[in-house]
Amino acid sequence: MDALTLFGLFAVSGMLATYALERRAHWFILGFAAFCALGSVYGFLQGAWPFGLVEGVWAIVALVRWKHAILNWDTIDAQADSKHT
């Protein structure tokens, strides 16, 4: 197994792990975006530009989802704090 294949395995394994944990914390959504970006780099380096392009789009979508998650978590935290006071 060459270094490029190991890099690709790392990227998609990270995508799978962070996607599975997204509901636990918004940081996993950010991690998913980062691993999607790595998957995009892998796709372009491998010569599979459609894969690289789609993974790049997924990275952008995940960043937008992360931004919305931060806003929602802050709202949820504020609501929880107001109930306890």
N, C-alpha and C. Protein backbone atom coordinates (compact mmCIF):
# COMPACT_ATOMS: atom_id res chain seq x y z
N MET A 1 0.86 -1.17 0.00
CA MET A 1 0.00 0.00 0.00
C MET A 1 0.90 1.23 0.00
N ASP A 2 0.70 2.12 -0.96
CA ASP A 2 1.55 3.31 -1.05
C ASP A 2 1.03 4.43 -0.15
N ALA A 3 1.82 5.49 -0.07
CA ALA A 3 1.50 6.61 0.84
C ALA A 3 0.20 7.30 0.44
N LEU A 4 -0.06 7.44 -0.85
CA LEU A 4 -1.28 8.11 -1.30
C LEU A 4 -2.52 7.31 -0.90
N THR A 5 -2.44 6.00 -1.02
CA THR A 5 -3.56 5.15 -0.62
C THR A 5 -3.79 5.23 0.89
N LEU A 6 -2.72 5.24 1.66
CA LEU A 6 -2.86 5.39 3.12
C LEU A 6 -3.48 6.74 3.48
N PHE A 7 -3.08 7.79 2.77
CA PHE A 7 -3.66 9.11 2.98
C PHE A 7 -5.16 9.09 2.69
N GLY A 8 -5.55 8.46 1.61
CA GLY A 8 -6.96 8.35 1.26
C GLY A 8 -7.73 7.55 2.29
N LEU A 9 -7.15 6.47 2.77
CA LEU A 9 -7.78 5.66 3.81
C LEU A 9 -7.97 6.48 5.08
N PHE A 10 -6.96 7.26 5.44
CA PHE A 10 -7.05 8.13 6.61
C PHE A 10 -8.18 9.14 6.44
N ALA A 11 -8.26 9.76 5.27
CA ALA A 11 -9.28 10.78 5.02
C ALA A 11 -10.69 10.21 5.10
N VAL A 12 -10.95 9.12 4.41
CA VAL A 12 -12.31 8.59 4.41
C VAL A 12 -12.66 7.92 5.74
N SER A 13 -11.68 7.35 6.44
CA SER A 13 -11.95 6.80 7.77
C SER A 13 -12.31 7.91 8.74
N GLY A 14 -11.60 9.03 8.65
CA GLY A 14 -11.92 10.19 9.49
C GLY A 14 -13.29 10.75 9.17
N MET A 15 -13.64 10.77 7.89
CA MET A 15 -14.98 11.22 7.50
C MET A 15 -16.05 10.34 8.14
N LEU A 16 -15.86 9.05 8.07
CA LEU A 16 -16.83 8.11 8.63
C LEU A 16 -16.97 8.30 10.14
N ALA A 17 -15.86 8.38 10.83
CA ALA A 17 -15.88 8.51 12.29
C ALA A 17 -16.53 9.81 12.74
N THR A 18 -16.14 10.92 12.12
CA THR A 18 -16.69 12.21 12.55
C THR A 18 -18.16 12.34 12.15
N TYR A 19 -18.54 11.75 11.02
CA TYR A 19 -19.95 11.78 10.63
C TYR A 19 -20.80 11.03 11.64
N ALA A 20 -20.30 9.90 12.10
CA ALA A 20 -21.04 9.09 13.08
C ALA A 20 -21.19 9.81 14.42
N LEU A 21 -20.27 10.72 14.73
CA LEU A 21 -20.29 11.40 16.03
C LEU A 21 -20.84 12.82 15.98
N GLU A 22 -21.35 13.25 14.84
CA GLU A 22 -21.79 14.64 14.67
C GLU A 22 -22.82 15.10 15.69
N ARG A 23 -23.69 14.24 16.13
CA ARG A 23 -24.74 14.66 17.07
C ARG A 23 -24.23 14.89 18.48
N ARG A 24 -23.03 14.46 18.75
CA ARG A 24 -22.47 14.61 20.11
C ARG A 24 -21.94 16.01 20.38
N ALA A 25 -21.35 16.63 19.35
CA ALA A 25 -20.79 17.98 19.53
C ALA A 25 -20.56 18.61 18.16
N HIS A 26 -20.67 19.92 18.12
CA HIS A 26 -20.49 20.60 16.83
C HIS A 26 -19.06 20.49 16.32
N TRP A 27 -18.12 20.16 17.20
CA TRP A 27 -16.72 20.02 16.76
C TRP A 27 -16.55 18.84 15.81
N PHE A 28 -17.40 17.83 15.94
CA PHE A 28 -17.33 16.70 15.02
C PHE A 28 -17.77 17.10 13.61
N ILE A 29 -18.68 18.07 13.52
CA ILE A 29 -19.08 18.56 12.20
C ILE A 29 -17.90 19.29 11.56
N LEU A 30 -17.19 20.07 12.35
CA LEU A 30 -16.00 20.74 11.83
C LEU A 30 -14.94 19.72 11.42
N GLY A 31 -14.79 18.68 12.22
CA GLY A 31 -13.86 17.61 11.86
C GLY A 31 -14.26 16.93 10.57
N PHE A 32 -15.56 16.70 10.39
CA PHE A 32 -16.05 16.11 9.16
C PHE A 32 -15.69 17.00 7.97
N ALA A 33 -15.85 18.31 8.13
CA ALA A 33 -15.49 19.23 7.05
C ALA A 33 -14.01 19.14 6.72
N ALA A 34 -13.18 19.05 7.74
CA ALA A 34 -11.73 18.95 7.52
C ALA A 34 -11.38 17.65 6.82
N PHE A 35 -11.99 16.54 7.23
CA PHE A 35 -11.71 15.26 6.58
C PHE A 35 -12.25 15.24 5.15
N CYS A 36 -13.36 15.92 4.89
CA CYS A 36 -13.85 16.04 3.51
C CYS A 36 -12.85 16.80 2.66
N ALA A 37 -12.27 17.85 3.23
CA ALA A 37 -11.24 18.61 2.50
C ALA A 37 -10.04 17.72 2.20
N LEU A 38 -9.64 16.89 3.16
CA LEU A 38 -8.55 15.95 2.92
C LEU A 38 -8.93 14.93 1.85
N GLY A 39 -10.18 14.49 1.87
CA GLY A 39 -10.66 13.58 0.83
C GLY A 39 -10.63 14.23 -0.54
N SER A 40 -10.92 15.52 -0.58
CA SER A 40 -10.85 16.26 -1.83
C SER A 40 -9.42 16.31 -2.35
N VAL A 41 -8.50 16.60 -1.47
CA VAL A 41 -7.08 16.63 -1.85
C VAL A 41 -6.67 15.26 -2.38
N TYR A 42 -7.09 14.22 -1.68
CA TYR A 42 -6.78 12.86 -2.12
C TYR A 42 -7.32 12.59 -3.52
N GLY A 43 -8.56 12.98 -3.76
CA GLY A 43 -9.17 12.76 -5.07
C GLY A 43 -8.38 13.43 -6.18
N PHE A 44 -7.99 14.68 -5.96
CA PHE A 44 -7.22 15.39 -6.98
C PHE A 44 -5.84 14.78 -7.17
N LEU A 45 -5.18 14.40 -6.06
CA LEU A 45 -3.86 13.80 -6.17
C LEU A 45 -3.91 12.44 -6.87
N GLN A 46 -4.99 11.73 -6.68
CA GLN A 46 -5.15 10.42 -7.30
C GLN A 46 -5.48 10.55 -8.78
N GLY A 47 -5.96 11.70 -9.19
CA GLY A 47 -6.35 11.90 -10.58
C GLY A 47 -7.83 11.71 -10.81
N ALA A 48 -8.58 11.52 -9.74
CA ALA A 48 -10.04 11.37 -9.84
C ALA A 48 -10.68 12.71 -9.51
N TRP A 49 -10.58 13.65 -10.46
CA TRP A 49 -11.05 15.00 -10.17
C TRP A 49 -12.54 15.09 -9.85
N PRO A 50 -13.43 14.23 -10.42
CA PRO A 50 -14.83 14.33 -9.97
C PRO A 50 -14.99 14.04 -8.48
N PHE A 51 -14.26 13.04 -7.98
CA PHE A 51 -14.29 12.73 -6.55
C PHE A 51 -13.75 13.91 -5.75
N GLY A 52 -12.65 14.48 -6.20
CA GLY A 52 -12.07 15.63 -5.51
C GLY A 52 -13.01 16.82 -5.48
N LEU A 53 -13.70 17.03 -6.59
CA LEU A 53 -14.64 18.15 -6.67
C LEU A 53 -15.82 17.95 -5.72
N VAL A 54 -16.40 16.75 -5.73
CA VAL A 54 -17.56 16.47 -4.87
C VAL A 54 -17.17 16.54 -3.40
N GLU A 55 -16.02 16.01 -3.05
CA GLU A 55 -15.57 16.09 -1.66
C GLU A 55 -15.33 17.54 -1.23
N GLY A 56 -14.85 18.36 -2.15
CA GLY A 56 -14.67 19.79 -1.85
C GLY A 56 -16.00 20.46 -1.56
N VAL A 57 -17.02 20.11 -2.34
CA VAL A 57 -18.35 20.66 -2.11
C VAL A 57 -18.89 20.19 -0.76
N TRP A 58 -18.67 18.90 -0.43
CA TRP A 58 -19.10 18.38 0.86
C TRP A 58 -18.42 19.13 2.01
N ALA A 59 -17.16 19.49 1.82
CA ALA A 59 -16.45 20.24 2.86
C ALA A 59 -17.12 21.59 3.10
N ILE A 60 -17.51 22.25 2.02
CA ILE A 60 -18.18 23.55 2.15
C ILE A 60 -19.54 23.39 2.82
N VAL A 61 -20.29 22.38 2.40
CA VAL A 61 -21.60 22.11 3.00
C VAL A 61 -21.45 21.84 4.50
N ALA A 62 -20.45 21.06 4.86
CA ALA A 62 -20.23 20.75 6.28
C ALA A 62 -19.85 22.00 7.07
N LEU A 63 -19.07 22.90 6.47
CA LEU A 63 -18.73 24.15 7.16
C LEU A 63 -19.98 24.98 7.42
N VAL A 64 -20.89 25.03 6.46
CA VAL A 64 -22.15 25.76 6.66
C VAL A 64 -22.97 25.09 7.75
N ARG A 65 -23.03 23.75 7.75
CA ARG A 65 -23.74 23.03 8.79
C ARG A 65 -23.13 23.29 10.16
N TRP A 66 -21.80 23.38 10.22
CA TRP A 66 -21.11 23.66 11.48
C TRP A 66 -21.50 25.04 12.00
N LYS A 67 -21.54 26.02 11.09
CA LYS A 67 -21.93 27.37 11.50
C LYS A 67 -23.34 27.38 12.08
N HIS A 68 -24.26 26.70 11.42
CA HIS A 68 -25.63 26.63 11.93
C HIS A 68 -25.70 25.85 13.24
N ALA A 69 -24.88 24.83 13.36
CA ALA A 69 -24.88 24.05 14.60
C ALA A 69 -24.40 24.90 15.77
N ILE A 70 -23.40 25.73 15.55
CA ILE A 70 -22.91 26.60 16.62
C ILE A 70 -24.03 27.52 17.09
N LEU A 71 -24.75 28.10 16.16
CA LEU A 71 -25.85 28.99 16.53
C LEU A 71 -26.94 28.24 17.28
N ASN A 72 -27.25 27.04 16.84
CA ASN A 72 -28.29 26.25 17.52
C ASN A 72 -27.83 25.79 18.89
N TRP A 73 -26.57 25.36 19.03
CA TRP A 73 -26.08 24.93 20.34
C TRP A 73 -26.07 26.09 21.32
N ASP A 74 -25.70 27.28 20.85
CA ASP A 74 -25.70 28.45 21.72
C ASP A 74 -27.12 28.75 22.18
N THR A 75 -28.09 28.61 21.29
CA THR A 75 -29.49 28.86 21.65
C THR A 75 -29.96 27.82 22.66
N ILE A 76 -29.61 26.56 22.42
CA ILE A 76 -30.00 25.49 23.33
C ILE A 76 -29.37 25.71 24.71
N ASP A 77 -28.09 26.10 24.75
CA ASP A 77 -27.43 26.36 26.02
C ASP A 77 -28.08 27.52 26.75
N ALA A 78 -28.44 28.58 26.04
CA ALA A 78 -29.06 29.74 26.67
C ALA A 78 -30.44 29.36 27.23
N GLN A 79 -31.19 28.54 26.49
CA GLN A 79 -32.49 28.12 26.98
C GLN A 79 -32.34 27.24 28.23
N ALA A 80 -31.35 26.37 28.22
CA ALA A 80 -31.12 25.50 29.37
C ALA A 80 -30.72 26.33 30.58
N ASP A 81 -29.87 27.34 30.38
CA ASP A 81 -29.45 28.20 31.49
C ASP A 81 -30.63 28.98 32.07
N SER A 82 -31.54 29.47 31.22
CA SER A 82 -32.66 30.25 31.71
C SER A 82 -33.64 29.39 32.50
N LYS A 83 -33.70 28.11 32.21
CA LYS A 83 -34.61 27.21 32.95
C LYS A 83 -34.07 26.89 34.34
N HIS A 84 -32.76 26.95 34.47
CA HIS A 84 -32.14 26.62 35.77
C HIS A 84 -31.99 27.81 36.69
N THR A 85 -32.27 29.00 36.23
CA THR A 85 -32.13 30.17 37.09
C THR A 85 -33.45 30.66 37.59
